[in-house]
Amino acid sequence: EVPVGAYDLHFETSSSVPGQDADLTVLRGSQFLCQSAGPTSDEQCNFPNPQPGTYTAIVDAYTTLTNFTILGSYSLPPDEIFTDGFD
């Protein structure tokens, strides 16, 4: 679940084994947002200013995958302690 205010949403797949092939597709709800479909298992989808909601990352494997990683991350702005801008 990506919250309001999140930024730099990033999905990435990778493998340390040469010759593997996997493609990455990202949806928000049922809406298609991104597909990364290169000839290896190193794929990524980036969203600098994502809308809040539930995102789904789908991996289609075209070879057997070993030592395979999928990562999803986002950033949040720092918390403001004081409303006058001073910490």
PDB file of N, CA and C in Angstrom:
ATOM      1  N   GLU A   1       0.855  -1.179   0.000  1.00  0.00           N
ATOM      2  CA  GLU A   1       0.000   0.000   0.000  1.00  0.00           C
ATOM      3  C   GLU A   1       0.900   1.241   0.000  1.00  0.00           C
ATOM      4  N   VAL A   2       0.738   2.070  -1.000  1.00  0.00           N
ATOM      5  CA  VAL A   2       1.516   3.300  -1.101  1.00  0.00           C
ATOM      6  C   VAL A   2       0.690   4.436  -0.491  1.00  0.00           C
ATOM      7  N   PRO A   3       1.209   5.111   0.546  1.00  0.00           N
ATOM      8  CA  PRO A   3       0.434   6.151   1.224  1.00  0.00           C
ATOM      9  C   PRO A   3       0.478   7.495   0.491  1.00  0.00           C
ATOM     10  N   VAL A   4      -0.418   8.377   0.877  1.00  0.00           N
ATOM     11  CA  VAL A   4      -0.416   9.756   0.377  1.00  0.00           C
ATOM     12  C   VAL A   4       0.927  10.394   0.731  1.00  0.00           C
ATOM     13  N   GLY A   5       1.513  11.123  -0.203  1.00  0.00           N
ATOM     14  CA  GLY A   5       2.775  11.816   0.038  1.00  0.00           C
ATOM     15  C   GLY A   5       4.011  11.026  -0.336  1.00  0.00           C
ATOM     16  N   ALA A   6       3.851   9.741  -0.656  1.00  0.00           N
ATOM     17  CA  ALA A   6       5.011   8.931  -1.047  1.00  0.00           C
ATOM     18  C   ALA A   6       5.549   9.421  -2.394  1.00  0.00           C
ATOM     19  N   TYR A   7       6.839   9.231  -2.591  1.00  0.00           N
ATOM     20  CA  TYR A   7       7.457   9.573  -3.870  1.00  0.00           C
ATOM     21  C   TYR A   7       8.547   8.553  -4.187  1.00  0.00           C
ATOM     22  N   ASP A   8       9.034   8.587  -5.422  1.00  0.00           N
ATOM     23  CA  ASP A   8      10.080   7.673  -5.895  1.00  0.00           C
ATOM     24  C   ASP A   8       9.734   6.206  -5.643  1.00  0.00           C
ATOM     25  N   LEU A   9       8.548   5.796  -6.081  1.00  0.00           N
ATOM     26  CA  LEU A   9       8.165   4.385  -6.017  1.00  0.00           C
ATOM     27  C   LEU A   9       8.984   3.627  -7.053  1.00  0.00           C
ATOM     28  N   HIS A  10       9.570   2.518  -6.633  1.00  0.00           N
ATOM     29  CA  HIS A  10      10.520   1.789  -7.479  1.00  0.00           C
ATOM     30  C   HIS A  10      10.298   0.289  -7.315  1.00  0.00           C
ATOM     31  N   PHE A  11      10.178  -0.409  -8.437  1.00  0.00           N
ATOM     32  CA  PHE A  11      10.141  -1.871  -8.456  1.00  0.00           C
ATOM     33  C   PHE A  11      11.307  -2.351  -9.302  1.00  0.00           C
ATOM     34  N   GLU A  12      11.942  -3.419  -8.847  1.00  0.00           N
ATOM     35  CA  GLU A  12      13.142  -3.904  -9.535  1.00  0.00           C
ATOM     36  C   GLU A  12      13.256  -5.418  -9.364  1.00  0.00           C
ATOM     37  N   THR A  13      13.651  -6.100 -10.437  1.00  0.00           N
ATOM     38  CA  THR A  13      13.985  -7.521 -10.359  1.00  0.00           C
ATOM     39  C   THR A  13      15.431  -7.695 -10.785  1.00  0.00           C
ATOM     40  N   SER A  14      16.071  -8.723 -10.240  1.00  0.00           N
ATOM     41  CA  SER A  14      17.458  -9.000 -10.626  1.00  0.00           C
ATOM     42  C   SER A  14      17.819 -10.427 -10.251  1.00  0.00           C
ATOM     43  N   SER A  15      18.870 -10.913 -10.886  1.00  0.00           N
ATOM     44  CA  SER A  15      19.422 -12.225 -10.574  1.00  0.00           C
ATOM     45  C   SER A  15      20.920 -12.174 -10.796  1.00  0.00           C
ATOM     46  N   SER A  16      21.643 -12.910  -9.986  1.00  0.00           N
ATOM     47  CA  SER A  16      23.097 -12.975 -10.150  1.00  0.00           C
ATOM     48  C   SER A  16      23.504 -14.082 -11.118  1.00  0.00           C
ATOM     49  N   VAL A  17      22.524 -14.794 -11.671  1.00  0.00           N
ATOM     50  CA  VAL A  17      22.810 -15.913 -12.570  1.00  0.00           C
ATOM     51  C   VAL A  17      22.620 -15.450 -14.017  1.00  0.00           C
ATOM     52  N   PRO A  18      23.668 -15.517 -14.845  1.00  0.00           N
ATOM     53  CA  PRO A  18      23.543 -15.095 -16.246  1.00  0.00           C
ATOM     54  C   PRO A  18      22.563 -15.985 -17.018  1.00  0.00           C
ATOM     55  N   GLY A  19      21.933 -15.410 -18.026  1.00  0.00           N
ATOM     56  CA  GLY A  19      21.084 -16.177 -18.925  1.00  0.00           C
ATOM     57  C   GLY A  19      19.643 -16.336 -18.479  1.00  0.00           C
ATOM     58  N   GLN A  20      19.288 -15.805 -17.330  1.00  0.00           N
ATOM     59  CA  GLN A  20      17.901 -15.906 -16.883  1.00  0.00           C
ATOM     60  C   GLN A  20      17.083 -14.759 -17.476  1.00  0.00           C
ATOM     61  N   ASP A  21      15.796 -15.032 -17.703  1.00  0.00           N
ATOM     62  CA  ASP A  21      14.927 -14.016 -18.300  1.00  0.00           C
ATOM     63  C   ASP A  21      13.609 -13.953 -17.545  1.00  0.00           C
ATOM     64  N   ALA A  22      13.281 -12.771 -17.057  1.00  0.00           N
ATOM     65  CA  ALA A  22      11.997 -12.510 -16.400  1.00  0.00           C
ATOM     66  C   ALA A  22      11.558 -11.104 -16.771  1.00  0.00           C
ATOM     67  N   ASP A  23      10.265 -10.915 -16.934  1.00  0.00           N
ATOM     68  CA  ASP A  23       9.712  -9.598 -17.233  1.00  0.00           C
ATOM     69  C   ASP A  23       8.894  -9.114 -16.042  1.00  0.00           C
ATOM     70  N   LEU A  24       8.835  -7.809 -15.875  1.00  0.00           N
ATOM     71  CA  LEU A  24       8.151  -7.178 -14.750  1.00  0.00           C
ATOM     72  C   LEU A  24       7.000  -6.319 -15.264  1.00  0.00           C
ATOM     73  N   THR A  25       5.826  -6.502 -14.676  1.00  0.00           N
ATOM     74  CA  THR A  25       4.654  -5.683 -14.978  1.00  0.00           C
ATOM     75  C   THR A  25       4.127  -5.115 -13.667  1.00  0.00           C
ATOM     76  N   VAL A  26       3.743  -3.836 -13.666  1.00  0.00           N
ATOM     77  CA  VAL A  26       3.211  -3.201 -12.457  1.00  0.00           C
ATOM     78  C   VAL A  26       1.818  -2.651 -12.753  1.00  0.00           C
ATOM     79  N   LEU A  27       0.894  -2.958 -11.835  1.00  0.00           N
ATOM     80  CA  LEU A  27      -0.488  -2.480 -11.902  1.00  0.00           C
ATOM     81  C   LEU A  27      -0.813  -1.693 -10.644  1.00  0.00           C
ATOM     82  N   ARG A  28      -1.744  -0.759 -10.756  1.00  0.00           N
ATOM     83  CA  ARG A  28      -2.369  -0.145  -9.578  1.00  0.00           C
ATOM     84  C   ARG A  28      -3.844  -0.468  -9.697  1.00  0.00           C
ATOM     85  N   GLY A  29      -4.344  -1.293  -8.765  1.00  0.00           N
ATOM     86  CA  GLY A  29      -5.678  -1.852  -8.939  1.00  0.00           C
ATOM     87  C   GLY A  29      -5.656  -2.733 -10.177  1.00  0.00           C
ATOM     88  N   SER A  30      -6.545  -2.477 -11.120  1.00  0.00           N
ATOM     89  CA  SER A  30      -6.538  -3.233 -12.378  1.00  0.00           C
ATOM     90  C   SER A  30      -5.912  -2.429 -13.519  1.00  0.00           C
ATOM     91  N   GLN A  31      -5.379  -1.245 -13.203  1.00  0.00           N
ATOM     92  CA  GLN A  31      -4.810  -0.362 -14.227  1.00  0.00           C
ATOM     93  C   GLN A  31      -3.353  -0.703 -14.497  1.00  0.00           C
ATOM     94  N   PHE A  32      -3.035  -0.982 -15.770  1.00  0.00           N
ATOM     95  CA  PHE A  32      -1.659  -1.228 -16.201  1.00  0.00           C
ATOM     96  C   PHE A  32      -0.867   0.071 -16.110  1.00  0.00           C
ATOM     97  N   LEU A  33       0.324   0.012 -15.486  1.00  0.00           N
ATOM     98  CA  LEU A  33       1.165   1.204 -15.353  1.00  0.00           C
ATOM     99  C   LEU A  33       2.506   1.080 -16.052  1.00  0.00           C
ATOM    100  N   CYS A  34       3.097  -0.115 -16.039  1.00  0.00           N
ATOM    101  CA  CYS A  34       4.459  -0.244 -16.552  1.00  0.00           C
ATOM    102  C   CYS A  34       4.755  -1.694 -16.891  1.00  0.00           C
ATOM    103  N   GLN A  35       5.558  -1.881 -17.939  1.00  0.00           N
ATOM    104  CA  GLN A  35       6.130  -3.198 -18.213  1.00  0.00           C
ATOM    105  C   GLN A  35       7.582  -3.007 -18.608  1.00  0.00           C
ATOM    106  N   SER A  36       8.440  -3.801 -18.001  1.00  0.00           N
ATOM    107  CA  SER A  36       9.857  -3.840 -18.340  1.00  0.00           C
ATOM    108  C   SER A  36      10.132  -5.250 -18.836  1.00  0.00           C
ATOM    109  N   ALA A  37      10.511  -5.366 -20.102  1.00  0.00           N
ATOM    110  CA  ALA A  37      10.584  -6.684 -20.735  1.00  0.00           C
ATOM    111  C   ALA A  37      11.854  -6.841 -21.557  1.00  0.00           C
ATOM    112  N   GLY A  38      13.003  -6.694 -20.907  1.00  0.00           N
ATOM    113  CA  GLY A  38      14.272  -6.884 -21.594  1.00  0.00           C
ATOM    114  C   GLY A  38      14.648  -8.355 -21.681  1.00  0.00           C
ATOM    115  N   PRO A  39      15.802  -8.660 -22.272  1.00  0.00           N
ATOM    116  CA  PRO A  39      16.207 -10.056 -22.476  1.00  0.00           C
ATOM    117  C   PRO A  39      16.835 -10.724 -21.250  1.00  0.00           C
ATOM    118  N   THR A  40      16.907 -10.015 -20.120  1.00  0.00           N
ATOM    119  CA  THR A  40      17.496 -10.592 -18.907  1.00  0.00           C
ATOM    120  C   THR A  40      16.472 -10.534 -17.776  1.00  0.00           C
ATOM    121  N   SER A  41      16.901 -10.860 -16.577  1.00  0.00           N
ATOM    122  CA  SER A  41      16.002 -10.762 -15.417  1.00  0.00           C
ATOM    123  C   SER A  41      16.162  -9.427 -14.691  1.00  0.00           C
ATOM    124  N   ASP A  42      16.981  -8.532 -15.220  1.00  0.00           N
ATOM    125  CA  ASP A  42      17.190  -7.212 -14.613  1.00  0.00           C
ATOM    126  C   ASP A  42      16.186  -6.224 -15.210  1.00  0.00           C
ATOM    127  N   GLU A  43      15.104  -5.989 -14.479  1.00  0.00           N
ATOM    128  CA  GLU A  43      14.011  -5.136 -14.956  1.00  0.00           C
ATOM    129  C   GLU A  43      13.679  -4.098 -13.894  1.00  0.00           C
ATOM    130  N   GLN A  44      13.071  -2.982 -14.313  1.00  0.00           N
ATOM    131  CA  GLN A  44      12.659  -1.978 -13.333  1.00  0.00           C
ATOM    132  C   GLN A  44      11.528  -1.109 -13.862  1.00  0.00           C
ATOM    133  N   CYS A  45      10.709  -0.630 -12.922  1.00  0.00           N
ATOM    134  CA  CYS A  45       9.647   0.340 -13.186  1.00  0.00           C
ATOM    135  C   CYS A  45       9.738   1.408 -12.107  1.00  0.00           C
ATOM    136  N   ASN A  46       9.734   2.668 -12.520  1.00  0.00           N
ATOM    137  CA  ASN A  46       9.890   3.791 -11.591  1.00  0.00           C
ATOM    138  C   ASN A  46       8.728   4.768 -11.736  1.00  0.00           C
ATOM    139  N   PHE A  47       8.276   5.291 -10.592  1.00  0.00           N
ATOM    140  CA  PHE A  47       7.176   6.246 -10.552  1.00  0.00           C
ATOM    141  C   PHE A  47       7.584   7.386  -9.621  1.00  0.00           C
ATOM    142  N   PRO A  48       8.035   8.521 -10.164  1.00  0.00           N
ATOM    143  CA  PRO A  48       8.520   9.614  -9.323  1.00  0.00           C
ATOM    144  C   PRO A  48       7.455  10.174  -8.374  1.00  0.00           C
ATOM    145  N   ASN A  49       6.214  10.282  -8.837  1.00  0.00           N
ATOM    146  CA  ASN A  49       5.124  10.848  -8.029  1.00  0.00           C
ATOM    147  C   ASN A  49       3.911   9.920  -8.087  1.00  0.00           C
ATOM    148  N   PRO A  50       3.974   8.776  -7.406  1.00  0.00           N
ATOM    149  CA  PRO A  50       2.893   7.791  -7.516  1.00  0.00           C
ATOM    150  C   PRO A  50       1.618   8.242  -6.807  1.00  0.00           C
ATOM    151  N   GLN A  51       0.499   7.812  -7.338  1.00  0.00           N
ATOM    152  CA  GLN A  51      -0.770   8.019  -6.648  1.00  0.00           C
ATOM    153  C   GLN A  51      -0.851   7.027  -5.493  1.00  0.00           C
ATOM    154  N   PRO A  52      -1.510   7.388  -4.408  1.00  0.00           N
ATOM    155  CA  PRO A  52      -1.665   6.435  -3.311  1.00  0.00           C
ATOM    156  C   PRO A  52      -2.533   5.260  -3.746  1.00  0.00           C
ATOM    157  N   GLY A  53      -2.293   4.106  -3.142  1.00  0.00           N
ATOM    158  CA  GLY A  53      -3.106   2.935  -3.450  1.00  0.00           C
ATOM    159  C   GLY A  53      -2.304   1.656  -3.396  1.00  0.00           C
ATOM    160  N   THR A  54      -2.941   0.588  -3.840  1.00  0.00           N
ATOM    161  CA  THR A  54      -2.327  -0.737  -3.843  1.00  0.00           C
ATOM    162  C   THR A  54      -1.717  -1.007  -5.209  1.00  0.00           C
ATOM    163  N   TYR A  55      -0.454  -1.343  -5.217  1.00  0.00           N
ATOM    164  CA  TYR A  55       0.281  -1.668  -6.435  1.00  0.00           C
ATOM    165  C   TYR A  55       0.594  -3.160  -6.431  1.00  0.00           C
ATOM    166  N   THR A  56       0.560  -3.764  -7.610  1.00  0.00           N
ATOM    167  CA  THR A  56       0.878  -5.179  -7.758  1.00  0.00           C
ATOM    168  C   THR A  56       2.005  -5.322  -8.765  1.00  0.00           C
ATOM    169  N   ALA A  57       3.054  -6.040  -8.373  1.00  0.00           N
ATOM    170  CA  ALA A  57       4.167  -6.348  -9.278  1.00  0.00           C
ATOM    171  C   ALA A  57       4.020  -7.800  -9.713  1.00  0.00           C
ATOM    172  N   ILE A  58       4.007  -8.026 -11.019  1.00  0.00           N
ATOM    173  CA  ILE A  58       3.861  -9.364 -11.589  1.00  0.00           C
ATOM    174  C   ILE A  58       5.153  -9.718 -12.307  1.00  0.00           C
ATOM    175  N   VAL A  59       5.682 -10.899 -12.032  1.00  0.00           N
ATOM    176  CA  VAL A  59       6.892 -11.380 -12.689  1.00  0.00           C
ATOM    177  C   VAL A  59       6.522 -12.546 -13.593  1.00  0.00           C
ATOM    178  N   ASP A  60       6.846 -12.429 -14.874  1.00  0.00           N
ATOM    179  CA  ASP A  60       6.690 -13.527 -15.826  1.00  0.00           C
ATOM    180  C   ASP A  60       8.071 -14.106 -16.084  1.00  0.00           C
ATOM    181  N   ALA A  61       8.270 -15.364 -15.700  1.00  0.00           N
ATOM    182  CA  ALA A  61       9.569 -16.022 -15.860  1.00  0.00           C
ATOM    183  C   ALA A  61       9.588 -16.801 -17.170  1.00  0.00           C
ATOM    184  N   TYR A  62      10.603 -16.547 -17.982  1.00  0.00           N
ATOM    185  CA  TYR A  62      10.762 -17.258 -19.248  1.00  0.00           C
ATOM    186  C   TYR A  62      11.856 -18.307 -19.164  1.00  0.00           C
ATOM    187  N   THR A  63      12.575 -18.330 -18.043  1.00  0.00           N
ATOM    188  CA  THR A  63      13.542 -19.375 -17.725  1.00  0.00           C
ATOM    189  C   THR A  63      13.366 -19.699 -16.242  1.00  0.00           C
ATOM    190  N   THR A  64      13.980 -20.785 -15.800  1.00  0.00           N
ATOM    191  CA  THR A  64      14.004 -21.085 -14.373  1.00  0.00           C
ATOM    192  C   THR A  64      14.806 -19.996 -13.677  1.00  0.00           C
ATOM    193  N   LEU A  65      14.281 -19.480 -12.567  1.00  0.00           N
ATOM    194  CA  LEU A  65      14.947 -18.391 -11.853  1.00  0.00           C
ATOM    195  C   LEU A  65      15.580 -18.911 -10.571  1.00  0.00           C
ATOM    196  N   THR A  66      16.870 -18.658 -10.413  1.00  0.00           N
ATOM    197  CA  THR A  66      17.581 -18.959  -9.171  1.00  0.00           C
ATOM    198  C   THR A  66      18.335 -17.707  -8.749  1.00  0.00           C
ATOM    199  N   ASN A  67      18.543 -17.552  -7.451  1.00  0.00           N
ATOM    200  CA  ASN A  67      19.175 -16.338  -6.913  1.00  0.00           C
ATOM    201  C   ASN A  67      18.487 -15.091  -7.461  1.00  0.00           C
ATOM    202  N   PHE A  68      17.169 -15.122  -7.450  1.00  0.00           N
ATOM    203  CA  PHE A  68      16.334 -14.069  -8.024  1.00  0.00           C
ATOM    204  C   PHE A  68      15.789 -13.180  -6.907  1.00  0.00           C
ATOM    205  N   THR A  69      15.747 -11.873  -7.159  1.00  0.00           N
ATOM    206  CA  THR A  69      15.264 -10.912  -6.172  1.00  0.00           C
ATOM    207  C   THR A  69      14.249  -9.978  -6.817  1.00  0.00           C
ATOM    208  N   ILE A  70      13.181  -9.673  -6.070  1.00  0.00           N
ATOM    209  CA  ILE A  70      12.257  -8.612  -6.467  1.00  0.00           C
ATOM    210  C   ILE A  70      12.176  -7.631  -5.305  1.00  0.00           C
ATOM    211  N   LEU A  71      12.259  -6.351  -5.631  1.00  0.00           N
ATOM    212  CA  LEU A  71      12.290  -5.304  -4.615  1.00  0.00           C
ATOM    213  C   LEU A  71      11.264  -4.234  -4.973  1.00  0.00           C
ATOM    214  N   GLY A  72      10.539  -3.775  -3.976  1.00  0.00           N
ATOM    215  CA  GLY A  72       9.640  -2.640  -4.128  1.00  0.00           C
ATOM    216  C   GLY A  72       9.907  -1.655  -3.003  1.00  0.00           C
ATOM    217  N   SER A  73      10.019  -0.367  -3.335  1.00  0.00           N
ATOM    218  CA  SER A  73      10.303   0.622  -2.293  1.00  0.00           C
ATOM    219  C   SER A  73       9.736   1.980  -2.699  1.00  0.00           C
ATOM    220  N   TYR A  74       9.549   2.832  -1.687  1.00  0.00           N
ATOM    221  CA  TYR A  74       9.167   4.221  -1.927  1.00  0.00           C
ATOM    222  C   TYR A  74       9.750   5.069  -0.815  1.00  0.00           C
ATOM    223  N   SER A  75       9.757   6.379  -1.033  1.00  0.00           N
ATOM    224  CA  SER A  75      10.252   7.329  -0.036  1.00  0.00           C
ATOM    225  C   SER A  75       9.094   8.149   0.501  1.00  0.00           C
ATOM    226  N   LEU A  76       9.268   8.611   1.739  1.00  0.00           N
ATOM    227  CA  LEU A  76       8.304   9.508   2.368  1.00  0.00           C
ATOM    228  C   LEU A  76       9.011  10.789   2.771  1.00  0.00           C
ATOM    229  N   PRO A  77       8.314  11.925   2.719  1.00  0.00           N
ATOM    230  CA  PRO A  77       8.941  13.176   3.161  1.00  0.00           C
ATOM    231  C   PRO A  77       9.234  13.113   4.659  1.00  0.00           C
ATOM    232  N   PRO A  78      10.228  13.874   5.119  1.00  0.00           N
ATOM    233  CA  PRO A  78      10.531  13.876   6.556  1.00  0.00           C
ATOM    234  C   PRO A  78       9.365  14.466   7.344  1.00  0.00           C
ATOM    235  N   ASP A  79       9.201  13.987   8.559  1.00  0.00           N
ATOM    236  CA  ASP A  79       8.147  14.514   9.433  1.00  0.00           C
ATOM    237  C   ASP A  79       8.490  15.932   9.864  1.00  0.00           C
ATOM    238  N   GLU A  80       7.497  16.793   9.868  1.00  0.00           N
ATOM    239  CA  GLU A  80       7.659  18.145  10.399  1.00  0.00           C
ATOM    240  C   GLU A  80       7.229  18.126  11.859  1.00  0.00           C
ATOM    241  N   ILE A  81       8.109  18.539  12.735  1.00  0.00           N
ATOM    242  CA  ILE A  81       7.792  18.568  14.157  1.00  0.00           C
ATOM    243  C   ILE A  81       7.067  19.867  14.506  1.00  0.00           C
ATOM    244  N   PHE A  82       7.545  20.966  13.924  1.00  0.00           N
ATOM    245  CA  PHE A  82       6.977  22.278  14.230  1.00  0.00           C
ATOM    246  C   PHE A  82       6.388  22.886  12.964  1.00  0.00           C
ATOM    247  N   THR A  83       5.271  23.585  13.090  1.00  0.00           N
ATOM    248  CA  THR A  83       4.622  24.178  11.925  1.00  0.00           C
ATOM    249  C   THR A  83       5.302  25.454  11.451  1.00  0.00           C
ATOM    250  N   ASP A  84       6.237  26.011  12.237  1.00  0.00           N
ATOM    251  CA  ASP A  84       6.913  27.239  11.822  1.00  0.00           C
ATOM    252  C   ASP A  84       8.147  26.964  10.963  1.00  0.00           C
ATOM    253  N   GLY A  85       8.428  25.684  10.676  1.00  0.00           N
ATOM    254  CA  GLY A  85       9.561  25.338   9.838  1.00  0.00           C
ATOM    255  C   GLY A  85      10.850  25.110  10.580  1.00  0.00           C
ATOM    256  N   PHE A  86      10.881  25.330  11.879  1.00  0.00           N
ATOM    257  CA  PHE A  86      12.085  25.099  12.676  1.00  0.00           C
ATOM    258  C   PHE A  86      11.973  23.754  13.379  1.00  0.00           C
ATOM    259  N   ASP A  87      13.071  23.022  13.408  1.00  0.00           N
ATOM    260  CA  ASP A  87      13.097  21.718  14.083  1.00  0.00           C
ATOM    261  C   ASP A  87      13.738  21.820  15.434  1.00  0.00           C
TER     262      ASP A  87
END
